[in-house]
Amino acid sequence: MTAKTLESMQAVRKEAETLANANRDADPEIQDIYLFPDDAEIRLVEVVRDALPTDSDTVEPFYFAPSPADGLHFTSAIALVRREDVHVLRLPPGWGTWGDAQKL
C-alpha cells in the first residue's frame, strides 16, 4: 500500500466517523454502523432497528455526492439494514466482505 493510498484511506475514515456520529445523533434507532474501507469513497452500512426488510439478497446503498461545505469531500454510500441482515446480505461489487467491515 502506498503512502498516498494510506493517507487517502485515513481521510475517508475520518470523514466516515464524522458522518456516522452525525447520523447517530439524528437517528436514535441506529444500533451499529459498519465502515467498508476504501480510499476514495465512504461506504457505510447502518443497522437500524426500524429498517424495512429488503426484497433482494444484496445491500443496496444510497449514494450522496461530496459536500465540501459540510466537511465531506468524498462520495458517500449508505445502506440501512436490519440486524438479521448483517453478515447475510451480499455486499455491492468492490466493497469486499463482511469480514472487512470496521465497526464505528
PDB file of N, CA and C in Angstrom:
ATOM      1  N   MET A   1       0.859  -1.171   0.000  1.00  0.00           N
ATOM      2  CA  MET A   1       0.000   0.000   0.000  1.00  0.00           C
ATOM      3  C   MET A   1       0.907   1.237   0.000  1.00  0.00           C
ATOM      4  N   THR A   2       0.607   2.170  -0.877  1.00  0.00           N
ATOM      5  CA  THR A   2       1.430   3.368  -0.958  1.00  0.00           C
ATOM      6  C   THR A   2       1.055   4.349   0.146  1.00  0.00           C
ATOM      7  N   ALA A   3       1.957   5.283   0.407  1.00  0.00           N
ATOM      8  CA  ALA A   3       1.692   6.297   1.433  1.00  0.00           C
ATOM      9  C   ALA A   3       0.483   7.131   1.054  1.00  0.00           C
ATOM     10  N   LYS A   4       0.327   7.430  -0.250  1.00  0.00           N
ATOM     11  CA  LYS A   4      -0.816   8.237  -0.703  1.00  0.00           C
ATOM     12  C   LYS A   4      -2.126   7.490  -0.480  1.00  0.00           C
ATOM     13  N   THR A   5      -2.133   6.184  -0.772  1.00  0.00           N
ATOM     14  CA  THR A   5      -3.337   5.374  -0.554  1.00  0.00           C
ATOM     15  C   THR A   5      -3.673   5.322   0.932  1.00  0.00           C
ATOM     16  N   LEU A   6      -2.680   5.109   1.765  1.00  0.00           N
ATOM     17  CA  LEU A   6      -2.893   5.075   3.211  1.00  0.00           C
ATOM     18  C   LEU A   6      -3.428   6.417   3.705  1.00  0.00           C
ATOM     19  N   GLU A   7      -2.863   7.502   3.205  1.00  0.00           N
ATOM     20  CA  GLU A   7      -3.327   8.848   3.592  1.00  0.00           C
ATOM     21  C   GLU A   7      -4.776   9.065   3.157  1.00  0.00           C
ATOM     22  N   SER A   8      -5.116   8.614   1.958  1.00  0.00           N
ATOM     23  CA  SER A   8      -6.495   8.746   1.470  1.00  0.00           C
ATOM     24  C   SER A   8      -7.456   7.916   2.314  1.00  0.00           C
ATOM     25  N   MET A   9      -7.049   6.696   2.661  1.00  0.00           N
ATOM     26  CA  MET A   9      -7.911   5.839   3.483  1.00  0.00           C
ATOM     27  C   MET A   9      -8.135   6.453   4.857  1.00  0.00           C
ATOM     28  N   GLN A  10      -7.119   7.080   5.416  1.00  0.00           N
ATOM     29  CA  GLN A  10      -7.267   7.739   6.712  1.00  0.00           C
ATOM     30  C   GLN A  10      -8.212   8.937   6.605  1.00  0.00           C
ATOM     31  N   ALA A  11      -8.139   9.685   5.498  1.00  0.00           N
ATOM     32  CA  ALA A  11      -9.036  10.830   5.300  1.00  0.00           C
ATOM     33  C   ALA A  11     -10.479  10.352   5.148  1.00  0.00           C
ATOM     34  N   VAL A  12     -10.676   9.271   4.383  1.00  0.00           N
ATOM     35  CA  VAL A  12     -12.021   8.710   4.218  1.00  0.00           C
ATOM     36  C   VAL A  12     -12.551   8.254   5.573  1.00  0.00           C
ATOM     37  N   ARG A  13     -11.726   7.550   6.354  1.00  0.00           N
ATOM     38  CA  ARG A  13     -12.173   7.063   7.662  1.00  0.00           C
ATOM     39  C   ARG A  13     -12.562   8.218   8.578  1.00  0.00           C
ATOM     40  N   LYS A  14     -11.767   9.274   8.595  1.00  0.00           N
ATOM     41  CA  LYS A  14     -12.074  10.425   9.455  1.00  0.00           C
ATOM     42  C   LYS A  14     -13.430  11.031   9.083  1.00  0.00           C
ATOM     43  N   GLU A  15     -13.659  11.220   7.784  1.00  0.00           N
ATOM     44  CA  GLU A  15     -14.957  11.762   7.354  1.00  0.00           C
ATOM     45  C   GLU A  15     -16.079  10.767   7.634  1.00  0.00           C
ATOM     46  N   ALA A  16     -15.816   9.481   7.481  1.00  0.00           N
ATOM     47  CA  ALA A  16     -16.825   8.454   7.767  1.00  0.00           C
ATOM     48  C   ALA A  16     -17.228   8.492   9.233  1.00  0.00           C
ATOM     49  N   GLU A  17     -16.260   8.662  10.110  1.00  0.00           N
ATOM     50  CA  GLU A  17     -16.558   8.747  11.542  1.00  0.00           C
ATOM     51  C   GLU A  17     -17.414   9.974  11.847  1.00  0.00           C
ATOM     52  N   THR A  18     -17.090  11.105  11.209  1.00  0.00           N
ATOM     53  CA  THR A  18     -17.876  12.323  11.402  1.00  0.00           C
ATOM     54  C   THR A  18     -19.309  12.106  10.924  1.00  0.00           C
ATOM     55  N   LEU A  19     -19.455  11.503   9.746  1.00  0.00           N
ATOM     56  CA  LEU A  19     -20.782  11.235   9.193  1.00  0.00           C
ATOM     57  C   LEU A  19     -21.548  10.236  10.062  1.00  0.00           C
ATOM     58  N   ALA A  20     -20.887   9.191  10.519  1.00  0.00           N
ATOM     59  CA  ALA A  20     -21.541   8.195  11.368  1.00  0.00           C
ATOM     60  C   ALA A  20     -22.036   8.819  12.670  1.00  0.00           C
ATOM     61  N   ASN A  21     -21.218   9.666  13.275  1.00  0.00           N
ATOM     62  CA  ASN A  21     -21.632  10.336  14.514  1.00  0.00           C
ATOM     63  C   ASN A  21     -22.829  11.253  14.277  1.00  0.00           C
ATOM     64  N   ALA A  22     -22.824  11.977  13.169  1.00  0.00           N
ATOM     65  CA  ALA A  22     -23.961  12.855  12.843  1.00  0.00           C
ATOM     66  C   ALA A  22     -25.226  12.030  12.620  1.00  0.00           C
ATOM     67  N   ASN A  23     -25.085  10.907  11.942  1.00  0.00           N
ATOM     68  CA  ASN A  23     -26.248  10.048  11.701  1.00  0.00           C
ATOM     69  C   ASN A  23     -26.784   9.467  12.999  1.00  0.00           C
ATOM     70  N   ARG A  24     -25.889   9.055  13.890  1.00  0.00           N
ATOM     71  CA  ARG A  24     -26.330   8.537  15.203  1.00  0.00           C
ATOM     72  C   ARG A  24     -27.071   9.610  15.989  1.00  0.00           C
ATOM     73  N   ASP A  25     -26.547  10.836  15.950  1.00  0.00           N
ATOM     74  CA  ASP A  25     -27.211  11.936  16.661  1.00  0.00           C
ATOM     75  C   ASP A  25     -28.602  12.202  16.097  1.00  0.00           C
ATOM     76  N   ALA A  26     -28.756  12.033  14.783  1.00  0.00           N
ATOM     77  CA  ALA A  26     -30.032  12.318  14.126  1.00  0.00           C
ATOM     78  C   ALA A  26     -31.031  11.179  14.237  1.00  0.00           C
ATOM     79  N   ASP A  27     -30.548   9.949  14.420  1.00  0.00           N
ATOM     80  CA  ASP A  27     -31.450   8.791  14.426  1.00  0.00           C
ATOM     81  C   ASP A  27     -31.086   7.836  15.568  1.00  0.00           C
ATOM     82  N   PRO A  28     -31.835   7.907  16.667  1.00  0.00           N
ATOM     83  CA  PRO A  28     -31.544   7.029  17.807  1.00  0.00           C
ATOM     84  C   PRO A  28     -31.829   5.551  17.538  1.00  0.00           C
ATOM     85  N   GLU A  29     -32.455   5.232  16.414  1.00  0.00           N
ATOM     86  CA  GLU A  29     -32.738   3.838  16.072  1.00  0.00           C
ATOM     87  C   GLU A  29     -31.525   3.119  15.476  1.00  0.00           C
ATOM     88  N   ILE A  30     -30.437   3.846  15.190  1.00  0.00           N
ATOM     89  CA  ILE A  30     -29.231   3.216  14.661  1.00  0.00           C
ATOM     90  C   ILE A  30     -28.563   2.431  15.779  1.00  0.00           C
ATOM     91  N   GLN A  31     -28.377   1.138  15.535  1.00  0.00           N
ATOM     92  CA  GLN A  31     -27.775   0.254  16.535  1.00  0.00           C
ATOM     93  C   GLN A  31     -26.272   0.104  16.329  1.00  0.00           C
ATOM     94  N   ASP A  32     -25.844  -0.053  15.097  1.00  0.00           N
ATOM     95  CA  ASP A  32     -24.426  -0.224  14.765  1.00  0.00           C
ATOM     96  C   ASP A  32     -24.169   0.415  13.407  1.00  0.00           C
ATOM     97  N   ILE A  33     -22.908   0.779  13.172  1.00  0.00           N
ATOM     98  CA  ILE A  33     -22.507   1.296  11.869  1.00  0.00           C
ATOM     99  C   ILE A  33     -21.210   0.609  11.481  1.00  0.00           C
ATOM    100  N   TYR A  34     -21.187   0.072  10.259  1.00  0.00           N
ATOM    101  CA  TYR A  34     -20.006  -0.595   9.732  1.00  0.00           C
ATOM    102  C   TYR A  34     -19.435   0.227   8.575  1.00  0.00           C
ATOM    103  N   LEU A  35     -18.117   0.389   8.586  1.00  0.00           N
ATOM    104  CA  LEU A  35     -17.395   1.045   7.505  1.00  0.00           C
ATOM    105  C   LEU A  35     -16.699  -0.030   6.686  1.00  0.00           C
ATOM    106  N   PHE A  36     -16.845   0.047   5.371  1.00  0.00           N
ATOM    107  CA  PHE A  36     -16.127  -0.828   4.459  1.00  0.00           C
ATOM    108  C   PHE A  36     -15.033   0.015   3.823  1.00  0.00           C
ATOM    109  N   PRO A  37     -13.774  -0.212   4.226  1.00  0.00           N
ATOM    110  CA  PRO A  37     -12.672   0.671   3.844  1.00  0.00           C
ATOM    111  C   PRO A  37     -12.491   0.828   2.342  1.00  0.00           C
ATOM    112  N   ASP A  38     -12.203   2.055   1.958  1.00  0.00           N
ATOM    113  CA  ASP A  38     -11.916   2.416   0.572  1.00  0.00           C
ATOM    114  C   ASP A  38     -11.098   3.698   0.617  1.00  0.00           C
ATOM    115  N   ASP A  39     -10.337   3.956  -0.427  1.00  0.00           N
ATOM    116  CA  ASP A  39      -9.512   5.162  -0.420  1.00  0.00           C
ATOM    117  C   ASP A  39     -10.134   6.325  -1.193  1.00  0.00           C
ATOM    118  N   ALA A  40     -11.371   6.135  -1.698  1.00  0.00           N
ATOM    119  CA  ALA A  40     -11.987   7.209  -2.474  1.00  0.00           C
ATOM    120  C   ALA A  40     -13.471   7.406  -2.190  1.00  0.00           C
ATOM    121  N   GLU A  41     -14.059   6.577  -1.320  1.00  0.00           N
ATOM    122  CA  GLU A  41     -15.497   6.631  -1.088  1.00  0.00           C
ATOM    123  C   GLU A  41     -15.802   6.202   0.341  1.00  0.00           C
ATOM    124  N   ILE A  42     -16.758   6.868   0.972  1.00  0.00           N
ATOM    125  CA  ILE A  42     -17.254   6.463   2.287  1.00  0.00           C
ATOM    126  C   ILE A  42     -18.324   5.403   2.049  1.00  0.00           C
ATOM    127  N   ARG A  43     -18.149   4.223   2.639  1.00  0.00           N
ATOM    128  CA  ARG A  43     -19.088   3.106   2.451  1.00  0.00           C
ATOM    129  C   ARG A  43     -19.562   2.645   3.823  1.00  0.00           C
ATOM    130  N   LEU A  44     -20.802   2.991   4.150  1.00  0.00           N
ATOM    131  CA  LEU A  44     -21.355   2.670   5.462  1.00  0.00           C
ATOM    132  C   LEU A  44     -22.570   1.767   5.340  1.00  0.00           C
ATOM    133  N   VAL A  45     -22.662   0.812   6.247  1.00  0.00           N
ATOM    134  CA  VAL A  45     -23.885   0.043   6.435  1.00  0.00           C
ATOM    135  C   VAL A  45     -24.335   0.340   7.856  1.00  0.00           C
ATOM    136  N   GLU A  46     -25.544   0.892   7.958  1.00  0.00           N
ATOM    137  CA  GLU A  46     -26.104   1.241   9.264  1.00  0.00           C
ATOM    138  C   GLU A  46     -27.182   0.232   9.632  1.00  0.00           C
ATOM    139  N   VAL A  47     -27.023  -0.356  10.799  1.00  0.00           N
ATOM    140  CA  VAL A  47     -28.003  -1.308  11.316  1.00  0.00           C
ATOM    141  C   VAL A  47     -29.034  -0.492  12.091  1.00  0.00           C
ATOM    142  N   VAL A  48     -30.258  -0.513  11.576  1.00  0.00           N
ATOM    143  CA  VAL A  48     -31.315   0.343  12.111  1.00  0.00           C
ATOM    144  C   VAL A  48     -32.472  -0.534  12.587  1.00  0.00           C
ATOM    145  N   ARG A  49     -32.888  -0.266  13.806  1.00  0.00           N
ATOM    146  CA  ARG A  49     -33.946  -1.054  14.437  1.00  0.00           C
ATOM    147  C   ARG A  49     -35.221  -1.114  13.573  1.00  0.00           C
ATOM    148  N   ASP A  50     -35.568  -0.017  12.915  1.00  0.00           N
ATOM    149  CA  ASP A  50     -36.827   0.016  12.154  1.00  0.00           C
ATOM    150  C   ASP A  50     -36.615   0.001  10.639  1.00  0.00           C
ATOM    151  N   ALA A  51     -35.465  -0.530  10.177  1.00  0.00           N
ATOM    152  CA  ALA A  51     -35.219  -0.632   8.733  1.00  0.00           C
ATOM    153  C   ALA A  51     -36.215  -1.606   8.114  1.00  0.00           C
ATOM    154  N   LEU A  52     -36.597  -1.321   6.896  1.00  0.00           N
ATOM    155  CA  LEU A  52     -37.513  -2.207   6.180  1.00  0.00           C
ATOM    156  C   LEU A  52     -36.764  -3.423   5.660  1.00  0.00           C
ATOM    157  N   PRO A  53     -37.437  -4.569   5.590  1.00  0.00           N
ATOM    158  CA  PRO A  53     -36.784  -5.747   5.009  1.00  0.00           C
ATOM    159  C   PRO A  53     -36.503  -5.496   3.526  1.00  0.00           C
ATOM    160  N   THR A  54     -35.467  -6.128   3.014  1.00  0.00           N
ATOM    161  CA  THR A  54     -35.117  -5.967   1.613  1.00  0.00           C
ATOM    162  C   THR A  54     -35.769  -7.046   0.762  1.00  0.00           C
ATOM    163  N   ASP A  55     -36.031  -6.691  -0.487  1.00  0.00           N
ATOM    164  CA  ASP A  55     -36.591  -7.668  -1.428  1.00  0.00           C
ATOM    165  C   ASP A  55     -35.494  -8.412  -2.184  1.00  0.00           C
ATOM    166  N   SER A  56     -34.242  -8.012  -1.938  1.00  0.00           N
ATOM    167  CA  SER A  56     -33.143  -8.660  -2.642  1.00  0.00           C
ATOM    168  C   SER A  56     -32.211  -9.314  -1.621  1.00  0.00           C
ATOM    169  N   ASP A  57     -31.161  -9.925  -2.130  1.00  0.00           N
ATOM    170  CA  ASP A  57     -30.187 -10.559  -1.243  1.00  0.00           C
ATOM    171  C   ASP A  57     -28.904  -9.739  -1.156  1.00  0.00           C
ATOM    172  N   THR A  58     -28.999  -8.462  -1.562  1.00  0.00           N
ATOM    173  CA  THR A  58     -27.825  -7.600  -1.625  1.00  0.00           C
ATOM    174  C   THR A  58     -28.060  -6.291  -0.888  1.00  0.00           C
ATOM    175  N   VAL A  59     -27.028  -5.799  -0.207  1.00  0.00           N
ATOM    176  CA  VAL A  59     -27.057  -4.472   0.402  1.00  0.00           C
ATOM    177  C   VAL A  59     -27.238  -3.449  -0.722  1.00  0.00           C
ATOM    178  N   GLU A  60     -28.191  -2.538  -0.560  1.00  0.00           N
ATOM    179  CA  GLU A  60     -28.482  -1.547  -1.600  1.00  0.00           C
ATOM    180  C   GLU A  60     -28.302  -0.139  -1.031  1.00  0.00           C
ATOM    181  N   PRO A  61     -27.103   0.428  -1.199  1.00  0.00           N
ATOM    182  CA  PRO A  61     -26.831   1.750  -0.622  1.00  0.00           C
ATOM    183  C   PRO A  61     -27.438   2.891  -1.421  1.00  0.00           C
ATOM    184  N   PHE A  62     -27.664   3.990  -0.727  1.00  0.00           N
ATOM    185  CA  PHE A  62     -27.994   5.268  -1.343  1.00  0.00           C
ATOM    186  C   PHE A  62     -26.672   6.003  -1.511  1.00  0.00           C
ATOM    187  N   TYR A  63     -26.498   6.698  -2.622  1.00  0.00           N
ATOM    188  CA  TYR A  63     -25.259   7.421  -2.883  1.00  0.00           C
ATOM    189  C   TYR A  63     -25.493   8.923  -2.775  1.00  0.00           C
ATOM    190  N   PHE A  64     -24.518   9.604  -2.166  1.00  0.00           N
ATOM    191  CA  PHE A  64     -24.577  11.049  -1.981  1.00  0.00           C
ATOM    192  C   PHE A  64     -23.295  11.670  -2.509  1.00  0.00           C
ATOM    193  N   ALA A  65     -23.449  12.783  -3.199  1.00  0.00           N
ATOM    194  CA  ALA A  65     -22.282  13.498  -3.735  1.00  0.00           C
ATOM    195  C   ALA A  65     -21.487  14.129  -2.597  1.00  0.00           C
ATOM    196  N   PRO A  66     -20.219  14.406  -2.842  1.00  0.00           N
ATOM    197  CA  PRO A  66     -19.433  15.126  -1.830  1.00  0.00           C
ATOM    198  C   PRO A  66     -20.101  16.460  -1.491  1.00  0.00           C
ATOM    199  N   SER A  67     -19.885  16.913  -0.267  1.00  0.00           N
ATOM    200  CA  SER A  67     -20.420  18.195   0.189  1.00  0.00           C
ATOM    201  C   SER A  67     -19.330  18.910   0.991  1.00  0.00           C
ATOM    202  N   PRO A  68     -18.369  19.518   0.274  1.00  0.00           N
ATOM    203  CA  PRO A  68     -17.253  20.170   0.966  1.00  0.00           C
ATOM    204  C   PRO A  68     -17.693  21.201   2.006  1.00  0.00           C
ATOM    205  N   ALA A  69     -18.801  21.880   1.764  1.00  0.00           N
ATOM    206  CA  ALA A  69     -19.291  22.870   2.733  1.00  0.00           C
ATOM    207  C   ALA A  69     -19.634  22.219   4.067  1.00  0.00           C
ATOM    208  N   ASP A  70     -19.971  20.925   4.032  1.00  0.00           N
ATOM    209  CA  ASP A  70     -20.290  20.173   5.248  1.00  0.00           C
ATOM    210  C   ASP A  70     -19.109  19.333   5.727  1.00  0.00           C
ATOM    211  N   GLY A  71     -17.951  19.516   5.112  1.00  0.00           N
ATOM    212  CA  GLY A  71     -16.765  18.777   5.515  1.00  0.00           C
ATOM    213  C   GLY A  71     -16.675  17.380   4.930  1.00  0.00           C
ATOM    214  N   LEU A  72     -17.488  17.098   3.910  1.00  0.00           N
ATOM    215  CA  LEU A  72     -17.478  15.772   3.279  1.00  0.00           C
ATOM    216  C   LEU A  72     -16.942  15.909   1.854  1.00  0.00           C
ATOM    217  N   HIS A  73     -15.739  15.414   1.645  1.00  0.00           N
ATOM    218  CA  HIS A  73     -15.053  15.586   0.367  1.00  0.00           C
ATOM    219  C   HIS A  73     -15.095  14.333  -0.501  1.00  0.00           C
ATOM    220  N   PHE A  74     -15.742  13.297  -0.013  1.00  0.00           N
ATOM    221  CA  PHE A  74     -15.825  12.032  -0.738  1.00  0.00           C
ATOM    222  C   PHE A  74     -17.283  11.681  -0.996  1.00  0.00           C
ATOM    223  N   THR A  75     -17.521  10.925  -2.053  1.00  0.00           N
ATOM    224  CA  THR A  75     -18.847  10.352  -2.284  1.00  0.00           C
ATOM    225  C   THR A  75     -19.168   9.444  -1.108  1.00  0.00           C
ATOM    226  N   SER A  76     -20.426   9.455  -0.668  1.00  0.00           N
ATOM    227  CA  SER A  76     -20.863   8.604   0.440  1.00  0.00           C
ATOM    228  C   SER A  76     -21.881   7.590  -0.067  1.00  0.00           C
ATOM    229  N   ALA A  77     -21.726   6.364   0.363  1.00  0.00           N
ATOM    230  CA  ALA A  77     -22.690   5.304   0.086  1.00  0.00           C
ATOM    231  C   ALA A  77     -23.165   4.787   1.442  1.00  0.00           C
ATOM    232  N   ILE A  78     -24.479   4.882   1.672  1.00  0.00           N
ATOM    233  CA  ILE A  78     -25.029   4.487   2.971  1.00  0.00           C
ATOM    234  C   ILE A  78     -26.197   3.530   2.743  1.00  0.00           C
ATOM    235  N   ALA A  79     -26.136   2.394   3.413  1.00  0.00           N
ATOM    236  CA  ALA A  79     -27.216   1.413   3.332  1.00  0.00           C
ATOM    237  C   ALA A  79     -27.792   1.209   4.727  1.00  0.00           C
ATOM    238  N   LEU A  80     -29.095   1.030   4.782  1.00  0.00           N
ATOM    239  CA  LEU A  80     -29.794   0.744   6.036  1.00  0.00           C
ATOM    240  C   LEU A  80     -30.243  -0.704   6.004  1.00  0.00           C
ATOM    241  N   VAL A  81     -29.870  -1.459   7.023  1.00  0.00           N
ATOM    242  CA  VAL A  81     -30.247  -2.868   7.088  1.00  0.00           C
ATOM    243  C   VAL A  81     -30.753  -3.215   8.481  1.00  0.00           C
ATOM    244  N   ARG A  82     -31.433  -4.346   8.572  1.00  0.00           N
ATOM    245  CA  ARG A  82     -31.878  -4.874   9.862  1.00  0.00           C
ATOM    246  C   ARG A  82     -30.761  -5.721  10.465  1.00  0.00           C
ATOM    247  N   ARG A  83     -30.784  -5.893  11.765  1.00  0.00           N
ATOM    248  CA  ARG A  83     -29.747  -6.677  12.447  1.00  0.00           C
ATOM    249  C   ARG A  83     -29.611  -8.063  11.817  1.00  0.00           C
ATOM    250  N   GLU A  84     -30.725  -8.705  11.494  1.00  0.00           N
ATOM    251  CA  GLU A  84     -30.659 -10.065  10.963  1.00  0.00           C
ATOM    252  C   GLU A  84     -30.075 -10.126   9.550  1.00  0.00           C
ATOM    253  N   ASP A  85     -29.887  -8.974   8.895  1.00  0.00           N
ATOM    254  CA  ASP A  85     -29.295  -8.949   7.560  1.00  0.00           C
ATOM    255  C   ASP A  85     -27.773  -8.845   7.576  1.00  0.00           C
ATOM    256  N   VAL A  86     -27.196  -8.462   8.724  1.00  0.00           N
ATOM    257  CA  VAL A  86     -25.747  -8.313   8.840  1.00  0.00           C
ATOM    258  C   VAL A  86     -25.084  -9.679   8.644  1.00  0.00           C
ATOM    259  N   HIS A  87     -24.053  -9.729   7.844  1.00  0.00           N
ATOM    260  CA  HIS A  87     -23.308 -10.941   7.507  1.00  0.00           C
ATOM    261  C   HIS A  87     -24.112 -11.906   6.653  1.00  0.00           C
ATOM    262  N   VAL A  88     -25.324 -11.519   6.236  1.00  0.00           N
ATOM    263  CA  VAL A  88     -26.161 -12.386   5.410  1.00  0.00           C
ATOM    264  C   VAL A  88     -26.264 -11.810   4.000  1.00  0.00           C
ATOM    265  N   LEU A  89     -26.621 -10.536   3.907  1.00  0.00           N
ATOM    266  CA  LEU A  89     -26.768  -9.912   2.592  1.00  0.00           C
ATOM    267  C   LEU A  89     -25.417  -9.804   1.891  1.00  0.00           C
ATOM    268  N   ARG A  90     -25.444  -9.963   0.576  1.00  0.00           N
ATOM    269  CA  ARG A  90     -24.232  -9.760  -0.220  1.00  0.00           C
ATOM    270  C   ARG A  90     -23.942  -8.260  -0.283  1.00  0.00           C
ATOM    271  N   LEU A  91     -22.668  -7.925  -0.391  1.00  0.00           N
ATOM    272  CA  LEU A  91     -22.255  -6.528  -0.480  1.00  0.00           C
ATOM    273  C   LEU A  91     -22.123  -6.109  -1.941  1.00  0.00           C
ATOM    274  N   PRO A  92     -22.231  -4.809  -2.210  1.00  0.00           N
ATOM    275  CA  PRO A  92     -22.055  -4.338  -3.589  1.00  0.00           C
ATOM    276  C   PRO A  92     -20.666  -4.716  -4.120  1.00  0.00           C
ATOM    277  N   PRO A  93     -20.532  -4.842  -5.427  1.00  0.00           N
ATOM    278  CA  PRO A  93     -19.227  -5.166  -6.011  1.00  0.00           C
ATOM    279  C   PRO A  93     -18.159  -4.163  -5.561  1.00  0.00           C
ATOM    280  N   GLY A  94     -17.005  -4.689  -5.200  1.00  0.00           N
ATOM    281  CA  GLY A  94     -15.886  -3.852  -4.805  1.00  0.00           C
ATOM    282  C   GLY A  94     -15.848  -3.484  -3.333  1.00  0.00           C
ATOM    283  N   TRP A  95     -16.876  -3.837  -2.576  1.00  0.00           N
ATOM    284  CA  TRP A  95     -16.921  -3.495  -1.148  1.00  0.00           C
ATOM    285  C   TRP A  95     -16.164  -4.497  -0.287  1.00  0.00           C
ATOM    286  N   GLY A  96     -15.778  -5.608  -0.819  1.00  0.00           N
ATOM    287  CA  GLY A  96     -15.106  -6.632  -0.016  1.00  0.00           C
ATOM    288  C   GLY A  96     -16.116  -7.561   0.630  1.00  0.00           C
ATOM    289  N   THR A  97     -15.762  -8.044   1.828  1.00  0.00           N
ATOM    290  CA  THR A  97     -16.626  -8.985   2.540  1.00  0.00           C
ATOM    291  C   THR A  97     -17.029  -8.383   3.883  1.00  0.00           C
ATOM    292  N   TRP A  98     -17.970  -9.036   4.537  1.00  0.00           N
ATOM    293  CA  TRP A  98     -18.361  -8.590   5.881  1.00  0.00           C
ATOM    294  C   TRP A  98     -17.165  -8.646   6.831  1.00  0.00           C
ATOM    295  N   GLY A  99     -16.230  -9.537   6.555  1.00  0.00           N
ATOM    296  CA  GLY A  99     -15.029  -9.627   7.372  1.00  0.00           C
ATOM    297  C   GLY A  99     -14.130  -8.391   7.262  1.00  0.00           C
ATOM    298  N   ASP A 100     -14.292  -7.624   6.187  1.00  0.00           N
ATOM    299  CA  ASP A 100     -13.518  -6.386   6.006  1.00  0.00           C
ATOM    300  C   ASP A 100     -14.112  -5.208   6.761  1.00  0.00           C
ATOM    301  N   ALA A 101     -15.348  -5.361   7.233  1.00  0.00           N
ATOM    302  CA  ALA A 101     -16.049  -4.251   7.889  1.00  0.00           C
ATOM    303  C   ALA A 101     -15.357  -3.823   9.172  1.00  0.00           C
ATOM    304  N   GLN A 102     -15.367  -2.526   9.398  1.00  0.00           N
ATOM    305  CA  GLN A 102     -14.848  -1.957  10.634  1.00  0.00           C
ATOM    306  C   GLN A 102     -16.018  -1.292  11.347  1.00  0.00           C
ATOM    307  N   LYS A 103     -16.280  -1.716  12.565  1.00  0.00           N
ATOM    308  CA  LYS A 103     -17.383  -1.154  13.346  1.00  0.00           C
ATOM    309  C   LYS A 103     -16.998   0.222  13.843  1.00  0.00           C
ATOM    310  N   LEU A 104     -17.842   1.208  13.571  1.00  0.00           N
ATOM    311  CA  LEU A 104     -17.580   2.571  14.028  1.00  0.00           C
ATOM    312  C   LEU A 104     -18.395   2.870  15.274  1.00  0.00           C
TER     313      LEU A 104
END
